[in-house]
Amino acid sequence: MKILIINGPNLNLLGTRDTSVYGTGTLEELNNWLTESFSEHELTFFQSNVEGELINRLQQAMTDGTEGIVGNFAAYTHTSVALRDALEPVKIPTVEVHISNIHAREEFREQSLTGAVVNGIITGFGKHSYVLGIQAVEHLSS
């Protein structure tokens, strides 16, 4: 199965940014761990701090054979109508994930604009949120 793992702003700083919330592992370490853990799948990784680049990659996924999407849209989850609108026409199984529990943080993080147009949201399980997201995409595809 071809799965896109898409990460939004500041996730390139994993391992150095607020380690009490996000842990000490880097994004590269996370990607390598997921690749090893799900060797039966073709995982493609994309990270950008730029909203338009995330939108372009989601639109590309609609035509490049991608069969599932696991997305951590980071701060754009709570603020980006444009990203929400880009996700709405996606018919590929799509699961939103968050490393931290967005409902146990600042009030503005509790709302997910993107969550309304994906199949489900997994939040608060650290790097295992990605594992659960991939498993959810597998389930949605079966």
Protein backbone atom coordinates (compact mmCIF):
# COMPACT_ATOMS: atom_id res chain seq x y z
CA MET A 1 0.00 0.00 0.00
CA LYS A 2 1.30 3.46 -0.94
CA ILE A 3 0.87 5.82 2.05
CA LEU A 4 1.80 9.49 2.26
CA ILE A 5 2.99 10.71 5.67
CA ILE A 6 2.64 14.50 5.52
CA ASN A 7 3.91 16.81 8.26
CA GLY A 8 3.28 20.50 8.69
CA PRO A 9 5.12 23.43 10.21
CA ASN A 10 7.85 23.02 12.81
CA LEU A 11 7.80 19.22 12.76
CA ASN A 12 11.25 19.47 11.20
CA LEU A 13 12.29 20.66 14.69
CA LEU A 14 11.30 17.43 16.43
CA GLY A 15 13.96 16.48 18.93
CA THR A 16 14.80 20.08 19.77
CA ARG A 17 11.48 21.91 20.05
CA ASP A 18 9.63 21.60 23.37
CA THR A 19 10.87 18.09 24.10
CA SER A 20 8.59 17.80 27.13
CA VAL A 21 5.64 17.83 24.70
CA TYR A 22 7.10 16.33 21.50
CA GLY A 23 9.86 14.06 22.79
CA THR A 24 13.52 13.89 21.89
CA GLY A 25 13.34 11.91 18.65
CA THR A 26 13.92 13.71 15.36
CA LEU A 27 11.63 13.66 12.34
CA GLU A 28 14.24 11.62 10.46
CA GLU A 29 14.30 9.05 13.28
CA LEU A 30 10.50 8.90 13.24
CA ASN A 31 10.45 8.38 9.47
CA ASN A 32 13.09 5.65 9.68
CA TRP A 33 11.20 3.89 12.49
CA LEU A 34 7.95 3.97 10.52
CA THR A 35 9.69 2.66 7.39
CA GLU A 36 11.13 -0.26 9.38
CA SER A 37 7.85 -0.91 11.21
CA PHE A 38 5.76 -0.91 8.03
CA SER A 39 8.16 -2.42 5.50
CA GLU A 40 5.22 -4.02 3.68
CA HIS A 41 4.06 -0.54 2.63
CA GLU A 42 5.58 2.12 0.42
CA LEU A 43 5.76 5.11 2.74
CA THR A 44 6.42 8.54 1.26
CA PHE A 45 7.37 11.36 3.61
CA PHE A 46 6.78 15.06 3.07
CA GLN A 47 7.29 17.94 5.49
CA SER A 48 6.89 21.64 4.88
CA ASN A 49 6.56 24.80 6.90
CA VAL A 50 4.74 26.36 3.93
CA GLU A 51 0.97 26.03 3.72
CA GLY A 52 0.86 26.13 -0.08
CA GLU A 53 3.43 23.34 -0.40
CA LEU A 54 1.30 21.11 1.85
CA ILE A 55 -1.75 21.87 -0.29
CA ASN A 56 0.18 21.12 -3.49
CA ARG A 57 1.35 17.77 -2.07
CA LEU A 58 -2.17 16.78 -1.03
CA GLN A 59 -3.46 17.60 -4.51
CA GLN A 60 -0.63 15.57 -6.04
CA ALA A 61 -1.60 12.61 -3.82
CA MET A 62 -5.03 12.55 -5.45
CA THR A 63 -3.47 11.53 -8.79
CA ASP A 64 -0.11 9.83 -8.06
CA GLY A 65 -1.36 6.46 -6.84
CA THR A 66 -1.33 7.31 -3.14
CA GLU A 67 -3.73 4.95 -1.36
CA GLY A 68 -3.73 6.50 2.12
CA ILE A 69 -2.67 9.66 3.90
CA VAL A 70 -1.52 10.16 7.48
CA GLY A 71 -1.25 13.87 8.18
CA ASN A 72 0.07 15.89 11.07
CA PHE A 73 -0.90 19.36 9.96
CA ALA A 74 0.54 20.88 13.15
CA ALA A 75 -0.50 24.50 13.76
CA TYR A 76 -2.35 24.63 10.43
CA THR A 77 -4.81 22.13 11.94
CA HIS A 78 -6.26 24.98 13.98
CA THR A 79 -5.92 27.89 11.57
CA SER A 80 -5.94 26.92 7.90
CA VAL A 81 -9.19 27.10 5.99
CA ALA A 82 -7.13 26.66 2.81
CA LEU A 83 -5.70 23.35 4.01
CA ARG A 84 -9.16 22.22 5.12
CA ASP A 85 -10.50 23.08 1.67
CA ALA A 86 -7.65 21.15 0.02
CA LEU A 87 -8.45 18.06 2.12
CA GLU A 88 -12.18 18.13 1.42
CA PRO A 89 -12.05 16.69 -2.15
CA VAL A 90 -9.53 13.98 -1.17
CA LYS A 91 -11.26 10.61 -1.47
CA ILE A 92 -8.22 8.63 -0.28
CA PRO A 93 -8.47 7.32 3.31
CA THR A 94 -6.99 10.16 5.38
CA VAL A 95 -6.23 10.18 9.10
CA GLU A 96 -5.07 13.22 11.04
CA VAL A 97 -2.51 12.57 13.79
CA HIS A 98 -0.96 14.61 16.57
CA ILE A 99 1.93 13.72 18.84
CA SER A 100 0.48 15.66 21.78
CA ASN A 101 -3.11 15.59 23.00
CA ILE A 102 -4.48 18.74 21.38
CA HIS A 103 -7.42 18.73 23.81
CA ALA A 104 -5.12 18.94 26.84
CA ARG A 105 -3.24 22.00 25.64
CA GLU A 106 -4.09 25.64 24.97
CA GLU A 107 -7.72 26.34 24.18
CA PHE A 108 -6.98 27.43 20.60
CA ARG A 109 -5.48 23.99 19.87
CA GLU A 110 -8.65 22.15 20.82
CA GLN A 111 -10.39 22.90 17.51
CA SER A 112 -9.34 21.07 14.37
CA LEU A 113 -10.49 22.74 11.16
CA THR A 114 -8.95 19.91 9.15
CA GLY A 115 -10.52 17.20 11.33
CA ALA A 116 -13.95 17.86 9.86
CA VAL A 117 -12.86 16.61 6.42
CA VAL A 118 -10.68 13.58 7.26
CA ASN A 119 -11.77 10.08 8.22
CA GLY A 120 -10.57 10.39 11.82
CA ILE A 121 -8.17 11.97 14.29
CA ILE A 122 -5.61 10.28 16.55
CA THR A 123 -4.09 12.54 19.17
CA GLY A 124 -1.85 12.26 22.20
CA PHE A 125 0.06 9.00 21.73
CA GLY A 126 3.46 10.47 20.88
CA LYS A 127 5.14 8.89 17.87
CA HIS A 128 2.71 5.99 18.21
CA SER A 129 -0.01 8.31 16.89
CA TYR A 130 1.58 7.72 13.47
CA VAL A 131 1.47 3.94 13.94
CA LEU A 132 -2.20 4.13 14.88
CA GLY A 133 -2.78 6.43 11.90
CA ILE A 134 -1.22 3.96 9.48
CA GLN A 135 -3.24 1.13 11.03
CA ALA A 136 -6.40 3.21 10.67
CA VAL A 137 -5.62 3.85 6.98
CA GLU A 138 -5.10 0.09 6.52
CA HIS A 139 -8.47 -0.57 8.16
CA LEU A 140 -10.23 2.07 6.06
CA SER A 141 -8.76 0.55 2.89
CA SER A 142 -9.84 -3.01 3.60
